[in-house]
Amino acid sequence: MLIISDLSLKILKKNQIPKDIFDNIYTALSEVDKTKKLSLFDITEIIENSSITYYRIRKGKYRAIFYISNDDIIIDLICKREDIYKLWKP
């Protein structure tokens, strides 16, 4: 199941993410959720610590950071490339 963080929903509601970009990311991560194959899309592991491994997927100028927990994909943040690492706190 895909779970979207409150911060990502807030950014989406403020129309800071184009609907088509959000749809593309959501569709890609839905497919990853079904197949459990991270290699299907441009997904990169960005941080691995003892408890959580974070991944990044890109679509145009936008990035989504997510992690997998108990077979659920949790989307931590979606925003523009230049802002994502300023706003994101692992």
N, C-alpha and C. Protein backbone atom coordinates (compact mmCIF):
# COMPACT_ATOMS: atom_id res chain seq x y z
N MET A 1 0.84 -1.16 0.00
CA MET A 1 0.00 0.00 0.00
C MET A 1 0.90 1.24 0.00
N LEU A 2 0.46 2.28 -0.68
CA LEU A 2 1.18 3.55 -0.69
C LEU A 2 0.61 4.47 0.38
N ILE A 3 1.50 5.07 1.14
CA ILE A 3 1.11 6.03 2.17
C ILE A 3 1.84 7.33 1.88
N ILE A 4 1.11 8.44 1.89
CA ILE A 4 1.68 9.75 1.58
C ILE A 4 1.75 10.57 2.86
N SER A 5 2.92 11.14 3.13
CA SER A 5 3.11 11.92 4.35
C SER A 5 2.24 13.17 4.34
N ASP A 6 2.00 13.70 5.53
CA ASP A 6 1.20 14.91 5.67
C ASP A 6 1.85 16.09 4.96
N LEU A 7 3.19 16.19 5.03
CA LEU A 7 3.90 17.29 4.37
C LEU A 7 3.71 17.23 2.85
N SER A 8 3.80 16.04 2.27
CA SER A 8 3.59 15.90 0.83
C SER A 8 2.16 16.24 0.44
N LEU A 9 1.20 15.84 1.25
CA LEU A 9 -0.20 16.18 0.97
C LEU A 9 -0.41 17.69 1.05
N LYS A 10 0.22 18.32 2.01
CA LYS A 10 0.11 19.77 2.17
C LYS A 10 0.69 20.49 0.94
N ILE A 11 1.84 20.04 0.47
CA ILE A 11 2.47 20.63 -0.72
C ILE A 11 1.59 20.40 -1.94
N LEU A 12 1.01 19.22 -2.05
CA LEU A 12 0.13 18.90 -3.17
C LEU A 12 -1.12 19.77 -3.16
N LYS A 13 -1.70 19.97 -1.99
CA LYS A 13 -2.91 20.78 -1.88
C LYS A 13 -2.66 22.25 -2.22
N LYS A 14 -1.44 22.71 -2.00
CA LYS A 14 -1.08 24.09 -2.33
C LYS A 14 -0.72 24.23 -3.82
N ASN A 15 -0.90 23.16 -4.58
CA ASN A 15 -0.59 23.13 -6.02
C ASN A 15 0.87 23.46 -6.31
N GLN A 16 1.77 23.07 -5.43
CA GLN A 16 3.20 23.27 -5.66
C GLN A 16 3.80 22.13 -6.48
N ILE A 17 3.02 21.08 -6.67
CA ILE A 17 3.44 19.94 -7.50
C ILE A 17 2.41 19.81 -8.61
N PRO A 18 2.84 19.83 -9.87
CA PRO A 18 1.87 19.62 -10.95
C PRO A 18 1.19 18.25 -10.83
N LYS A 19 -0.09 18.24 -11.12
CA LYS A 19 -0.88 17.00 -10.99
C LYS A 19 -0.30 15.86 -11.82
N ASP A 20 0.18 16.16 -13.03
CA ASP A 20 0.72 15.08 -13.87
C ASP A 20 2.01 14.50 -13.28
N ILE A 21 2.82 15.32 -12.64
CA ILE A 21 4.04 14.83 -12.00
C ILE A 21 3.67 13.92 -10.83
N PHE A 22 2.72 14.38 -10.01
CA PHE A 22 2.28 13.56 -8.88
C PHE A 22 1.71 12.23 -9.39
N ASP A 23 0.89 12.28 -10.43
CA ASP A 23 0.31 11.05 -10.99
C ASP A 23 1.39 10.10 -11.49
N ASN A 24 2.41 10.64 -12.16
CA ASN A 24 3.51 9.80 -12.65
C ASN A 24 4.26 9.12 -11.50
N ILE A 25 4.57 9.89 -10.46
CA ILE A 25 5.27 9.32 -9.31
C ILE A 25 4.40 8.29 -8.61
N TYR A 26 3.14 8.62 -8.41
CA TYR A 26 2.22 7.71 -7.73
C TYR A 26 2.06 6.41 -8.52
N THR A 27 1.93 6.52 -9.83
CA THR A 27 1.80 5.33 -10.68
C THR A 27 3.06 4.47 -10.63
N ALA A 28 4.22 5.11 -10.71
CA ALA A 28 5.49 4.38 -10.66
C ALA A 28 5.63 3.65 -9.33
N LEU A 29 5.34 4.33 -8.24
CA LEU A 29 5.49 3.69 -6.93
C LEU A 29 4.41 2.64 -6.68
N SER A 30 3.25 2.79 -7.29
CA SER A 30 2.22 1.75 -7.21
C SER A 30 2.70 0.48 -7.89
N GLU A 31 3.36 0.66 -9.02
CA GLU A 31 3.91 -0.49 -9.75
C GLU A 31 5.02 -1.16 -8.93
N VAL A 32 5.85 -0.36 -8.31
CA VAL A 32 6.90 -0.91 -7.44
C VAL A 32 6.27 -1.66 -6.27
N ASP A 33 5.20 -1.12 -5.73
CA ASP A 33 4.50 -1.77 -4.62
C ASP A 33 3.96 -3.13 -5.05
N LYS A 34 3.44 -3.22 -6.26
CA LYS A 34 2.89 -4.49 -6.76
C LYS A 34 3.98 -5.51 -7.04
N THR A 35 5.05 -5.06 -7.72
CA THR A 35 6.07 -6.00 -8.18
C THR A 35 7.23 -6.19 -7.22
N LYS A 36 7.42 -5.22 -6.32
CA LYS A 36 8.54 -5.23 -5.36
C LYS A 36 9.90 -5.13 -6.06
N LYS A 37 9.91 -4.55 -7.27
CA LYS A 37 11.14 -4.39 -8.04
C LYS A 37 11.49 -2.90 -8.15
N LEU A 38 12.53 -2.51 -7.44
CA LEU A 38 12.97 -1.11 -7.48
C LEU A 38 13.69 -0.77 -8.77
N SER A 39 14.09 -1.77 -9.53
CA SER A 39 14.85 -1.53 -10.75
C SER A 39 13.99 -1.13 -11.94
N LEU A 40 12.67 -1.08 -11.79
CA LEU A 40 11.80 -0.75 -12.91
C LEU A 40 11.89 0.72 -13.32
N PHE A 41 12.23 1.59 -12.38
CA PHE A 41 12.24 3.03 -12.64
C PHE A 41 13.56 3.61 -12.17
N ASP A 42 13.72 4.91 -12.37
CA ASP A 42 14.95 5.60 -11.96
C ASP A 42 14.91 5.83 -10.45
N ILE A 43 15.19 4.77 -9.71
CA ILE A 43 15.15 4.82 -8.25
C ILE A 43 16.56 4.59 -7.73
N THR A 44 16.97 5.46 -6.81
CA THR A 44 18.31 5.39 -6.24
C THR A 44 18.21 5.35 -4.72
N GLU A 45 19.02 4.50 -4.12
CA GLU A 45 19.12 4.48 -2.67
C GLU A 45 19.92 5.70 -2.24
N ILE A 46 19.38 6.51 -1.32
CA ILE A 46 20.11 7.71 -0.93
C ILE A 46 20.67 7.66 0.49
N ILE A 47 19.97 7.03 1.40
CA ILE A 47 20.47 6.91 2.77
C ILE A 47 20.11 5.54 3.30
N GLU A 48 21.10 4.90 3.89
CA GLU A 48 20.83 3.63 4.56
C GLU A 48 21.39 3.74 5.97
N ASN A 49 20.53 3.61 6.93
CA ASN A 49 21.00 3.55 8.31
C ASN A 49 20.50 2.24 8.91
N SER A 50 20.64 2.09 10.18
CA SER A 50 20.33 0.80 10.79
C SER A 50 18.86 0.39 10.69
N SER A 51 17.96 1.36 10.61
CA SER A 51 16.55 0.99 10.64
C SER A 51 15.79 1.28 9.34
N ILE A 52 16.15 2.35 8.61
CA ILE A 52 15.38 2.74 7.43
C ILE A 52 16.33 3.00 6.25
N THR A 53 15.95 2.48 5.09
CA THR A 53 16.66 2.80 3.85
C THR A 53 15.76 3.70 3.02
N TYR A 54 16.25 4.89 2.70
CA TYR A 54 15.49 5.86 1.91
C TYR A 54 15.89 5.77 0.45
N TYR A 55 14.91 5.99 -0.42
CA TYR A 55 15.11 5.96 -1.86
C TYR A 55 14.61 7.25 -2.47
N ARG A 56 15.11 7.54 -3.67
CA ARG A 56 14.69 8.72 -4.41
C ARG A 56 14.25 8.29 -5.80
N ILE A 57 13.14 8.84 -6.26
CA ILE A 57 12.69 8.65 -7.63
C ILE A 57 12.55 10.03 -8.25
N ARG A 58 12.95 10.16 -9.52
CA ARG A 58 12.85 11.47 -10.15
C ARG A 58 11.92 11.43 -11.35
N LYS A 59 11.24 12.53 -11.51
CA LYS A 59 10.36 12.76 -12.66
C LYS A 59 10.54 14.22 -13.05
N GLY A 60 11.28 14.46 -14.11
CA GLY A 60 11.54 15.83 -14.55
C GLY A 60 12.31 16.60 -13.49
N LYS A 61 11.82 17.76 -13.11
CA LYS A 61 12.47 18.59 -12.10
C LYS A 61 12.04 18.24 -10.68
N TYR A 62 11.24 17.20 -10.53
CA TYR A 62 10.70 16.85 -9.23
C TYR A 62 11.29 15.54 -8.72
N ARG A 63 11.35 15.44 -7.40
CA ARG A 63 11.88 14.26 -6.74
C ARG A 63 10.90 13.82 -5.66
N ALA A 64 10.90 12.53 -5.42
CA ALA A 64 10.13 11.97 -4.31
C ALA A 64 11.08 11.11 -3.49
N ILE A 65 11.05 11.30 -2.19
CA ILE A 65 11.84 10.48 -1.28
C ILE A 65 10.87 9.57 -0.55
N PHE A 66 11.20 8.27 -0.53
CA PHE A 66 10.32 7.31 0.10
C PHE A 66 11.13 6.21 0.78
N TYR A 67 10.45 5.43 1.59
CA TYR A 67 11.06 4.25 2.19
C TYR A 67 10.01 3.15 2.25
N ILE A 68 10.48 1.95 2.50
CA ILE A 68 9.60 0.78 2.54
C ILE A 68 9.58 0.25 3.97
N SER A 69 8.37 0.10 4.49
CA SER A 69 8.21 -0.40 5.85
C SER A 69 7.04 -1.37 5.89
N ASN A 70 7.30 -2.58 6.34
CA ASN A 70 6.25 -3.61 6.44
C ASN A 70 5.48 -3.76 5.13
N ASP A 71 6.20 -3.81 4.02
CA ASP A 71 5.63 -3.96 2.67
C ASP A 71 4.77 -2.78 2.23
N ASP A 72 4.82 -1.67 2.95
CA ASP A 72 4.16 -0.44 2.53
C ASP A 72 5.22 0.53 2.04
N ILE A 73 4.88 1.32 1.04
CA ILE A 73 5.77 2.37 0.56
C ILE A 73 5.27 3.68 1.15
N ILE A 74 6.13 4.33 1.91
CA ILE A 74 5.78 5.58 2.55
C ILE A 74 6.49 6.70 1.81
N ILE A 75 5.71 7.58 1.17
CA ILE A 75 6.26 8.72 0.45
C ILE A 75 6.48 9.82 1.48
N ASP A 76 7.75 10.10 1.74
CA ASP A 76 8.11 11.08 2.76
C ASP A 76 7.96 12.51 2.26
N LEU A 77 8.39 12.76 1.03
CA LEU A 77 8.34 14.12 0.50
C LEU A 77 8.40 14.10 -1.01
N ILE A 78 7.62 14.98 -1.63
CA ILE A 78 7.67 15.21 -3.08
C ILE A 78 7.78 16.71 -3.27
N CYS A 79 8.81 17.15 -4.00
CA CYS A 79 8.92 18.57 -4.33
C CYS A 79 10.01 18.77 -5.39
N LYS A 80 10.26 20.03 -5.73
CA LYS A 80 11.25 20.35 -6.75
C LYS A 80 12.64 19.92 -6.30
N ARG A 81 13.46 19.61 -7.27
CA ARG A 81 14.82 19.14 -7.02
C ARG A 81 15.60 20.10 -6.15
N GLU A 82 15.49 21.40 -6.41
CA GLU A 82 16.29 22.38 -5.66
C GLU A 82 15.80 22.57 -4.22
N ASP A 83 14.59 22.12 -3.91
CA ASP A 83 14.04 22.32 -2.56
C ASP A 83 14.00 21.07 -1.71
N ILE A 84 14.08 19.91 -2.32
CA ILE A 84 13.78 18.68 -1.59
C ILE A 84 14.73 18.43 -0.43
N TYR A 85 16.02 18.67 -0.62
CA TYR A 85 16.96 18.37 0.46
C TYR A 85 16.99 19.47 1.52
N LYS A 86 16.41 20.63 1.23
CA LYS A 86 16.26 21.68 2.24
C LYS A 86 15.09 21.34 3.17
N LEU A 87 14.02 20.80 2.61
CA LEU A 87 12.81 20.52 3.37
C LEU A 87 12.81 19.16 4.05
N TRP A 88 13.53 18.20 3.48
CA TRP A 88 13.47 16.82 3.96
C TRP A 88 14.37 16.61 5.16
N LYS A 89 13.81 15.98 6.17
CA LYS A 89 14.58 15.64 7.38
C LYS A 89 14.38 14.15 7.64
N PRO A 90 15.45 13.35 7.42
CA PRO A 90 15.31 11.90 7.64
C PRO A 90 15.12 11.54 9.10
